[in-house]
Amino acid sequence: MAELHSEADNIENTAQCIIKAFKQFDIRGGNVLQYQQLYPYLQEHYPHYKDVQKEAEHHLAKEGYINPAPDGLMLTQVGHQMVWGER
C-alpha cells in the first residue's frame, strides 16, 4: 500500500520536485521550464502531484522562486540562487 501523506506534505513534496526539475533540465534564472517537460517529470518522481500542483506553484511563487508563464514556470533570480547555490 502506498504511503499516505497530508495535503501539506503533498504540496511541499510537489514543490521540491518542481525545484529538482529545474535542475534536471538545466533551467537557469529567467528561463522557463515548459509544462511539457515538467508533467512527465512529476509523474515519474512524485505521482501524487496532481491534486496539489497549483498550490505547490503558488507556494513557490509566494517564496519568489518562480513566476507563472503561459507555457510553464519561469525561474526567478531568487529561485536560481536557491536551485544552483549561486549568488
PDB file of N, CA and C in Angstrom:
ATOM      1  N   MET A   1       0.843  -1.187   0.000  1.00  0.00           N
ATOM      2  CA  MET A   1       0.000   0.000   0.000  1.00  0.00           C
ATOM      3  C   MET A   1       0.885   1.247   0.000  1.00  0.00           C
ATOM      4  N   ALA A   2       0.529   2.231  -0.771  1.00  0.00           N
ATOM      5  CA  ALA A   2       1.301   3.464  -0.860  1.00  0.00           C
ATOM      6  C   ALA A   2       1.181   4.246   0.438  1.00  0.00           C
ATOM      7  N   GLU A   3       2.274   4.890   0.793  1.00  0.00           N
ATOM      8  CA  GLU A   3       2.279   5.706   1.997  1.00  0.00           C
ATOM      9  C   GLU A   3       1.380   6.921   1.790  1.00  0.00           C
ATOM     10  N   LEU A   4       0.554   7.219   2.783  1.00  0.00           N
ATOM     11  CA  LEU A   4      -0.345   8.359   2.691  1.00  0.00           C
ATOM     12  C   LEU A   4       0.329   9.590   3.278  1.00  0.00           C
ATOM     13  N   HIS A   5       0.123  10.721   2.634  1.00  0.00           N
ATOM     14  CA  HIS A   5       0.699  11.979   3.091  1.00  0.00           C
ATOM     15  C   HIS A   5      -0.418  12.989   3.309  1.00  0.00           C
ATOM     16  N   SER A   6      -0.176  13.934   4.196  1.00  0.00           N
ATOM     17  CA  SER A   6      -1.138  15.013   4.368  1.00  0.00           C
ATOM     18  C   SER A   6      -1.070  15.918   3.149  1.00  0.00           C
ATOM     19  N   GLU A   7      -2.079  16.766   2.991  1.00  0.00           N
ATOM     20  CA  GLU A   7      -2.088  17.693   1.861  1.00  0.00           C
ATOM     21  C   GLU A   7      -0.881  18.629   1.935  1.00  0.00           C
ATOM     22  N   ALA A   8      -0.527  19.091   3.142  1.00  0.00           N
ATOM     23  CA  ALA A   8       0.631  19.979   3.292  1.00  0.00           C
ATOM     24  C   ALA A   8       1.912  19.272   2.863  1.00  0.00           C
ATOM     25  N   ASP A   9       2.048  17.998   3.231  1.00  0.00           N
ATOM     26  CA  ASP A   9       3.221  17.222   2.805  1.00  0.00           C
ATOM     27  C   ASP A   9       3.236  17.071   1.290  1.00  0.00           C
ATOM     28  N   ASN A  10       2.070  16.809   0.703  1.00  0.00           N
ATOM     29  CA  ASN A  10       1.996  16.673  -0.753  1.00  0.00           C
ATOM     30  C   ASN A  10       2.376  17.976  -1.459  1.00  0.00           C
ATOM     31  N   ILE A  11       1.938  19.098  -0.914  1.00  0.00           N
ATOM     32  CA  ILE A  11       2.297  20.386  -1.503  1.00  0.00           C
ATOM     33  C   ILE A  11       3.806  20.587  -1.417  1.00  0.00           C
ATOM     34  N   GLU A  12       4.381  20.346  -0.249  1.00  0.00           N
ATOM     35  CA  GLU A  12       5.830  20.516  -0.070  1.00  0.00           C
ATOM     36  C   GLU A  12       6.614  19.560  -0.964  1.00  0.00           C
ATOM     37  N   ASN A  13       6.204  18.313  -1.024  1.00  0.00           N
ATOM     38  CA  ASN A  13       6.906  17.338  -1.872  1.00  0.00           C
ATOM     39  C   ASN A  13       6.802  17.701  -3.351  1.00  0.00           C
ATOM     40  N   THR A  14       5.635  18.175  -3.764  1.00  0.00           N
ATOM     41  CA  THR A  14       5.467  18.599  -5.157  1.00  0.00           C
ATOM     42  C   THR A  14       6.339  19.815  -5.440  1.00  0.00           C
ATOM     43  N   ALA A  15       6.371  20.775  -4.523  1.00  0.00           N
ATOM     44  CA  ALA A  15       7.221  21.956  -4.699  1.00  0.00           C
ATOM     45  C   ALA A  15       8.684  21.550  -4.820  1.00  0.00           C
ATOM     46  N   GLN A  16       9.131  20.623  -3.980  1.00  0.00           N
ATOM     47  CA  GLN A  16      10.520  20.166  -4.050  1.00  0.00           C
ATOM     48  C   GLN A  16      10.807  19.461  -5.374  1.00  0.00           C
ATOM     49  N   CYS A  17       9.854  18.702  -5.858  1.00  0.00           N
ATOM     50  CA  CYS A  17      10.020  18.032  -7.160  1.00  0.00           C
ATOM     51  C   CYS A  17      10.114  19.058  -8.288  1.00  0.00           C
ATOM     52  N   ILE A  18       9.322  20.110  -8.206  1.00  0.00           N
ATOM     53  CA  ILE A  18       9.379  21.152  -9.226  1.00  0.00           C
ATOM     54  C   ILE A  18      10.767  21.790  -9.219  1.00  0.00           C
ATOM     55  N   ILE A  19      11.288  22.080  -8.035  1.00  0.00           N
ATOM     56  CA  ILE A  19      12.629  22.659  -7.921  1.00  0.00           C
ATOM     57  C   ILE A  19      13.677  21.707  -8.505  1.00  0.00           C
ATOM     58  N   LYS A  20      13.563  20.427  -8.206  1.00  0.00           N
ATOM     59  CA  LYS A  20      14.509  19.444  -8.756  1.00  0.00           C
ATOM     60  C   LYS A  20      14.413  19.373 -10.276  1.00  0.00           C
ATOM     61  N   ALA A  21      13.212  19.579 -10.804  1.00  0.00           N
ATOM     62  CA  ALA A  21      13.028  19.559 -12.260  1.00  0.00           C
ATOM     63  C   ALA A  21      13.793  20.699 -12.927  1.00  0.00           C
ATOM     64  N   PHE A  22      13.826  21.865 -12.292  1.00  0.00           N
ATOM     65  CA  PHE A  22      14.619  22.965 -12.847  1.00  0.00           C
ATOM     66  C   PHE A  22      16.076  22.550 -12.998  1.00  0.00           C
ATOM     67  N   LYS A  23      16.590  21.861 -11.993  1.00  0.00           N
ATOM     68  CA  LYS A  23      17.987  21.418 -12.044  1.00  0.00           C
ATOM     69  C   LYS A  23      18.164  20.313 -13.084  1.00  0.00           C
ATOM     70  N   GLN A  24      17.238  19.358 -13.099  1.00  0.00           N
ATOM     71  CA  GLN A  24      17.315  18.234 -14.039  1.00  0.00           C
ATOM     72  C   GLN A  24      17.383  18.720 -15.485  1.00  0.00           C
ATOM     73  N   PHE A  25      16.580  19.737 -15.796  1.00  0.00           N
ATOM     74  CA  PHE A  25      16.504  20.232 -17.173  1.00  0.00           C
ATOM     75  C   PHE A  25      17.414  21.440 -17.414  1.00  0.00           C
ATOM     76  N   ASP A  26      18.294  21.737 -16.432  1.00  0.00           N
ATOM     77  CA  ASP A  26      19.291  22.805 -16.550  1.00  0.00           C
ATOM     78  C   ASP A  26      18.640  24.146 -16.898  1.00  0.00           C
ATOM     79  N   ILE A  27      17.555  24.466 -16.173  1.00  0.00           N
ATOM     80  CA  ILE A  27      16.855  25.732 -16.364  1.00  0.00           C
ATOM     81  C   ILE A  27      17.487  26.758 -15.431  1.00  0.00           C
ATOM     82  N   ARG A  28      17.922  27.861 -15.993  1.00  0.00           N
ATOM     83  CA  ARG A  28      18.570  28.931 -15.227  1.00  0.00           C
ATOM     84  C   ARG A  28      17.607  30.095 -15.037  1.00  0.00           C
ATOM     85  N   GLY A  29      17.968  31.018 -14.154  1.00  0.00           N
ATOM     86  CA  GLY A  29      17.140  32.180 -13.854  1.00  0.00           C
ATOM     87  C   GLY A  29      16.730  32.930 -15.106  1.00  0.00           C
ATOM     88  N   GLY A  30      15.454  33.272 -15.186  1.00  0.00           N
ATOM     89  CA  GLY A  30      14.916  33.984 -16.332  1.00  0.00           C
ATOM     90  C   GLY A  30      14.408  33.085 -17.434  1.00  0.00           C
ATOM     91  N   ASN A  31      14.667  31.785 -17.326  1.00  0.00           N
ATOM     92  CA  ASN A  31      14.209  30.829 -18.337  1.00  0.00           C
ATOM     93  C   ASN A  31      12.999  30.051 -17.826  1.00  0.00           C
ATOM     94  N   VAL A  32      12.268  29.465 -18.759  1.00  0.00           N
ATOM     95  CA  VAL A  32      11.005  28.788 -18.447  1.00  0.00           C
ATOM     96  C   VAL A  32      11.161  27.275 -18.541  1.00  0.00           C
ATOM     97  N   LEU A  33      10.684  26.592 -17.506  1.00  0.00           N
ATOM     98  CA  LEU A  33      10.534  25.138 -17.535  1.00  0.00           C
ATOM     99  C   LEU A  33       9.164  24.873 -18.141  1.00  0.00           C
ATOM    100  N   GLN A  34       9.145  24.280 -19.318  1.00  0.00           N
ATOM    101  CA  GLN A  34       7.904  24.026 -20.043  1.00  0.00           C
ATOM    102  C   GLN A  34       7.077  22.952 -19.324  1.00  0.00           C
ATOM    103  N   TYR A  35       5.764  23.153 -19.307  1.00  0.00           N
ATOM    104  CA  TYR A  35       4.884  22.137 -18.710  1.00  0.00           C
ATOM    105  C   TYR A  35       5.050  20.789 -19.406  1.00  0.00           C
ATOM    106  N   GLN A  36       5.343  20.786 -20.704  1.00  0.00           N
ATOM    107  CA  GLN A  36       5.508  19.504 -21.410  1.00  0.00           C
ATOM    108  C   GLN A  36       6.726  18.738 -20.913  1.00  0.00           C
ATOM    109  N   GLN A  37       7.690  19.410 -20.285  1.00  0.00           N
ATOM    110  CA  GLN A  37       8.811  18.748 -19.634  1.00  0.00           C
ATOM    111  C   GLN A  37       8.461  18.412 -18.185  1.00  0.00           C
ATOM    112  N   LEU A  38       7.785  19.347 -17.514  1.00  0.00           N
ATOM    113  CA  LEU A  38       7.509  19.216 -16.092  1.00  0.00           C
ATOM    114  C   LEU A  38       6.554  18.067 -15.773  1.00  0.00           C
ATOM    115  N   TYR A  39       5.444  17.962 -16.506  1.00  0.00           N
ATOM    116  CA  TYR A  39       4.436  16.957 -16.158  1.00  0.00           C
ATOM    117  C   TYR A  39       4.980  15.528 -16.181  1.00  0.00           C
ATOM    118  N   PRO A  40       5.703  15.108 -17.217  1.00  0.00           N
ATOM    119  CA  PRO A  40       6.248  13.744 -17.173  1.00  0.00           C
ATOM    120  C   PRO A  40       7.242  13.546 -16.025  1.00  0.00           C
ATOM    121  N   TYR A  41       8.023  14.583 -15.733  1.00  0.00           N
ATOM    122  CA  TYR A  41       8.980  14.506 -14.624  1.00  0.00           C
ATOM    123  C   TYR A  41       8.235  14.299 -13.303  1.00  0.00           C
ATOM    124  N   LEU A  42       7.196  15.097 -13.069  1.00  0.00           N
ATOM    125  CA  LEU A  42       6.417  14.943 -11.842  1.00  0.00           C
ATOM    126  C   LEU A  42       5.752  13.576 -11.772  1.00  0.00           C
ATOM    127  N   GLN A  43       5.201  13.126 -12.874  1.00  0.00           N
ATOM    128  CA  GLN A  43       4.537  11.820 -12.900  1.00  0.00           C
ATOM    129  C   GLN A  43       5.503  10.707 -12.506  1.00  0.00           C
ATOM    130  N   GLU A  44       6.727  10.814 -12.982  1.00  0.00           N
ATOM    131  CA  GLU A  44       7.733   9.784 -12.679  1.00  0.00           C
ATOM    132  C   GLU A  44       8.252   9.876 -11.250  1.00  0.00           C
ATOM    133  N   HIS A  45       8.447  11.090 -10.750  1.00  0.00           N
ATOM    134  CA  HIS A  45       9.107  11.262  -9.460  1.00  0.00           C
ATOM    135  C   HIS A  45       8.163  11.469  -8.283  1.00  0.00           C
ATOM    136  N   TYR A  46       6.966  11.961  -8.524  1.00  0.00           N
ATOM    137  CA  TYR A  46       6.008  12.181  -7.437  1.00  0.00           C
ATOM    138  C   TYR A  46       4.588  12.170  -7.979  1.00  0.00           C
ATOM    139  N   PRO A  47       4.042  10.983  -8.204  1.00  0.00           N
ATOM    140  CA  PRO A  47       2.716  10.860  -8.831  1.00  0.00           C
ATOM    141  C   PRO A  47       1.569  11.520  -8.063  1.00  0.00           C
ATOM    142  N   HIS A  48       1.771  11.853  -6.792  1.00  0.00           N
ATOM    143  CA  HIS A  48       0.714  12.491  -6.002  1.00  0.00           C
ATOM    144  C   HIS A  48       0.554  13.973  -6.319  1.00  0.00           C
ATOM    145  N   TYR A  49       1.319  14.496  -7.262  1.00  0.00           N
ATOM    146  CA  TYR A  49       1.339  15.928  -7.545  1.00  0.00           C
ATOM    147  C   TYR A  49       0.014  16.472  -8.080  1.00  0.00           C
ATOM    148  N   LYS A  50      -0.769  15.654  -8.742  1.00  0.00           N
ATOM    149  CA  LYS A  50      -1.933  16.147  -9.494  1.00  0.00           C
ATOM    150  C   LYS A  50      -2.916  16.939  -8.641  1.00  0.00           C
ATOM    151  N   ASP A  51      -3.144  16.526  -7.416  1.00  0.00           N
ATOM    152  CA  ASP A  51      -4.126  17.191  -6.566  1.00  0.00           C
ATOM    153  C   ASP A  51      -3.627  18.516  -5.997  1.00  0.00           C
ATOM    154  N   VAL A  52      -2.319  18.710  -5.947  1.00  0.00           N
ATOM    155  CA  VAL A  52      -1.775  19.876  -5.246  1.00  0.00           C
ATOM    156  C   VAL A  52      -0.818  20.711  -6.090  1.00  0.00           C
ATOM    157  N   GLN A  53      -0.743  20.450  -7.375  1.00  0.00           N
ATOM    158  CA  GLN A  53       0.223  21.140  -8.225  1.00  0.00           C
ATOM    159  C   GLN A  53       0.060  22.660  -8.167  1.00  0.00           C
ATOM    160  N   LYS A  54      -1.158  23.140  -8.318  1.00  0.00           N
ATOM    161  CA  LYS A  54      -1.387  24.589  -8.316  1.00  0.00           C
ATOM    162  C   LYS A  54      -1.004  25.202  -6.975  1.00  0.00           C
ATOM    163  N   GLU A  55      -1.306  24.507  -5.879  1.00  0.00           N
ATOM    164  CA  GLU A  55      -0.929  25.006  -4.563  1.00  0.00           C
ATOM    165  C   GLU A  55       0.593  25.038  -4.416  1.00  0.00           C
ATOM    166  N   ALA A  56       1.276  24.027  -4.932  1.00  0.00           N
ATOM    167  CA  ALA A  56       2.743  23.993  -4.878  1.00  0.00           C
ATOM    168  C   ALA A  56       3.335  25.138  -5.697  1.00  0.00           C
ATOM    169  N   GLU A  57       2.779  25.387  -6.878  1.00  0.00           N
ATOM    170  CA  GLU A  57       3.243  26.505  -7.699  1.00  0.00           C
ATOM    171  C   GLU A  57       3.010  27.830  -6.975  1.00  0.00           C
ATOM    172  N   HIS A  58       1.859  27.961  -6.346  1.00  0.00           N
ATOM    173  CA  HIS A  58       1.557  29.194  -5.602  1.00  0.00           C
ATOM    174  C   HIS A  58       2.554  29.380  -4.455  1.00  0.00           C
ATOM    175  N   HIS A  59       2.872  28.308  -3.757  1.00  0.00           N
ATOM    176  CA  HIS A  59       3.845  28.352  -2.657  1.00  0.00           C
ATOM    177  C   HIS A  59       5.202  28.827  -3.179  1.00  0.00           C
ATOM    178  N   LEU A  60       5.657  28.261  -4.301  1.00  0.00           N
ATOM    179  CA  LEU A  60       6.952  28.651  -4.862  1.00  0.00           C
ATOM    180  C   LEU A  60       6.940  30.097  -5.353  1.00  0.00           C
ATOM    181  N   ALA A  61       5.819  30.527  -5.917  1.00  0.00           N
ATOM    182  CA  ALA A  61       5.708  31.913  -6.381  1.00  0.00           C
ATOM    183  C   ALA A  61       5.721  32.871  -5.185  1.00  0.00           C
ATOM    184  N   LYS A  62       5.039  32.496  -4.116  1.00  0.00           N
ATOM    185  CA  LYS A  62       4.995  33.326  -2.914  1.00  0.00           C
ATOM    186  C   LYS A  62       6.387  33.478  -2.305  1.00  0.00           C
ATOM    187  N   GLU A  63       7.196  32.436  -2.401  1.00  0.00           N
ATOM    188  CA  GLU A  63       8.572  32.481  -1.909  1.00  0.00           C
ATOM    189  C   GLU A  63       9.485  33.262  -2.851  1.00  0.00           C
ATOM    190  N   GLY A  64       8.993  33.569  -4.051  1.00  0.00           N
ATOM    191  CA  GLY A  64       9.772  34.333  -5.016  1.00  0.00           C
ATOM    192  C   GLY A  64      10.668  33.490  -5.902  1.00  0.00           C
ATOM    193  N   TYR A  65      10.467  32.170  -5.902  1.00  0.00           N
ATOM    194  CA  TYR A  65      11.326  31.275  -6.679  1.00  0.00           C
ATOM    195  C   TYR A  65      10.913  31.159  -8.142  1.00  0.00           C
ATOM    196  N   ILE A  66       9.616  31.283  -8.394  1.00  0.00           N
ATOM    197  CA  ILE A  66       9.113  31.132  -9.764  1.00  0.00           C
ATOM    198  C   ILE A  66       8.097  32.221 -10.072  1.00  0.00           C
ATOM    199  N   ASN A  67       7.859  32.403 -11.347  1.00  0.00           N
ATOM    200  CA  ASN A  67       6.744  33.203 -11.848  1.00  0.00           C
ATOM    201  C   ASN A  67       6.013  32.354 -12.872  1.00  0.00           C
ATOM    202  N   PRO A  68       4.686  32.398 -12.870  1.00  0.00           N
ATOM    203  CA  PRO A  68       3.953  31.652 -13.891  1.00  0.00           C
ATOM    204  C   PRO A  68       4.237  32.237 -15.275  1.00  0.00           C
ATOM    205  N   ALA A  69       4.301  31.371 -16.244  1.00  0.00           N
ATOM    206  CA  ALA A  69       4.442  31.757 -17.647  1.00  0.00           C
ATOM    207  C   ALA A  69       3.336  31.045 -18.414  1.00  0.00           C
ATOM    208  N   PRO A  70       2.993  31.516 -19.598  1.00  0.00           N
ATOM    209  CA  PRO A  70       1.889  30.893 -20.339  1.00  0.00           C
ATOM    210  C   PRO A  70       2.081  29.395 -20.590  1.00  0.00           C
ATOM    211  N   ASP A  71       3.315  28.967 -20.801  1.00  0.00           N
ATOM    212  CA  ASP A  71       3.561  27.564 -21.148  1.00  0.00           C
ATOM    213  C   ASP A  71       4.413  26.822 -20.134  1.00  0.00           C
ATOM    214  N   GLY A  72       4.572  27.418 -18.936  1.00  0.00           N
ATOM    215  CA  GLY A  72       5.380  26.750 -17.925  1.00  0.00           C
ATOM    216  C   GLY A  72       5.643  27.642 -16.731  1.00  0.00           C
ATOM    217  N   LEU A  73       6.792  27.428 -16.098  1.00  0.00           N
ATOM    218  CA  LEU A  73       7.175  28.173 -14.907  1.00  0.00           C
ATOM    219  C   LEU A  73       8.532  28.810 -15.133  1.00  0.00           C
ATOM    220  N   MET A  74       8.616  30.114 -14.909  1.00  0.00           N
ATOM    221  CA  MET A  74       9.885  30.805 -15.070  1.00  0.00           C
ATOM    222  C   MET A  74      10.621  30.830 -13.740  1.00  0.00           C
ATOM    223  N   LEU A  75      11.884  30.458 -13.766  1.00  0.00           N
ATOM    224  CA  LEU A  75      12.728  30.507 -12.582  1.00  0.00           C
ATOM    225  C   LEU A  75      13.216  31.936 -12.393  1.00  0.00           C
ATOM    226  N   THR A  76      12.956  32.511 -11.231  1.00  0.00           N
ATOM    227  CA  THR A  76      13.402  33.877 -10.938  1.00  0.00           C
ATOM    228  C   THR A  76      14.873  33.855 -10.538  1.00  0.00           C
ATOM    229  N   GLN A  77      15.439  35.039 -10.358  1.00  0.00           N
ATOM    230  CA  GLN A  77      16.833  35.118  -9.894  1.00  0.00           C
ATOM    231  C   GLN A  77      16.956  34.553  -8.484  1.00  0.00           C
ATOM    232  N   VAL A  78      15.971  34.804  -7.629  1.00  0.00           N
ATOM    233  CA  VAL A  78      15.963  34.232  -6.283  1.00  0.00           C
ATOM    234  C   VAL A  78      15.911  32.705  -6.376  1.00  0.00           C
ATOM    235  N   GLY A  79      15.051  32.205  -7.251  1.00  0.00           N
ATOM    236  CA  GLY A  79      14.960  30.761  -7.462  1.00  0.00           C
ATOM    237  C   GLY A  79      16.253  30.191  -8.010  1.00  0.00           C
ATOM    238  N   HIS A  80      16.887  30.912  -8.914  1.00  0.00           N
ATOM    239  CA  HIS A  80      18.163  30.478  -9.485  1.00  0.00           C
ATOM    240  C   HIS A  80      19.193  30.298  -8.375  1.00  0.00           C
ATOM    241  N   GLN A  81      19.269  31.271  -7.476  1.00  0.00           N
ATOM    242  CA  GLN A  81      20.220  31.187  -6.362  1.00  0.00           C
ATOM    243  C   GLN A  81      19.921  29.980  -5.477  1.00  0.00           C
ATOM    244  N   MET A  82      18.651  29.722  -5.241  1.00  0.00           N
ATOM    245  CA  MET A  82      18.274  28.594  -4.388  1.00  0.00           C
ATOM    246  C   MET A  82      18.569  27.267  -5.080  1.00  0.00           C
ATOM    247  N   VAL A  83      18.227  27.139  -6.356  1.00  0.00           N
ATOM    248  CA  VAL A  83      18.423  25.883  -7.088  1.00  0.00           C
ATOM    249  C   VAL A  83      19.903  25.599  -7.310  1.00  0.00           C
ATOM    250  N   TRP A  84      20.627  26.601  -7.749  1.00  0.00           N
ATOM    251  CA  TRP A  84      22.008  26.412  -8.175  1.00  0.00           C
ATOM    252  C   TRP A  84      23.033  26.802  -7.130  1.00  0.00           C
ATOM    253  N   GLY A  85      22.602  27.387  -5.997  1.00  0.00           N
ATOM    254  CA  GLY A  85      23.541  27.769  -4.954  1.00  0.00           C
ATOM    255  C   GLY A  85      24.501  28.867  -5.377  1.00  0.00           C
ATOM    256  N   GLU A  86      24.069  29.695  -6.336  1.00  0.00           N
ATOM    257  CA  GLU A  86      24.913  30.768  -6.846  1.00  0.00           C
ATOM    258  C   GLU A  86      24.362  32.113  -6.385  1.00  0.00           C
ATOM    259  N   ARG A  87      25.231  33.025  -6.134  1.00  0.00           N
ATOM    260  CA  ARG A  87      24.812  34.379  -5.729  1.00  0.00           C
ATOM    261  C   ARG A  87      25.371  35.381  -6.677  1.00  0.00           C
TER     262      ARG A  87
END
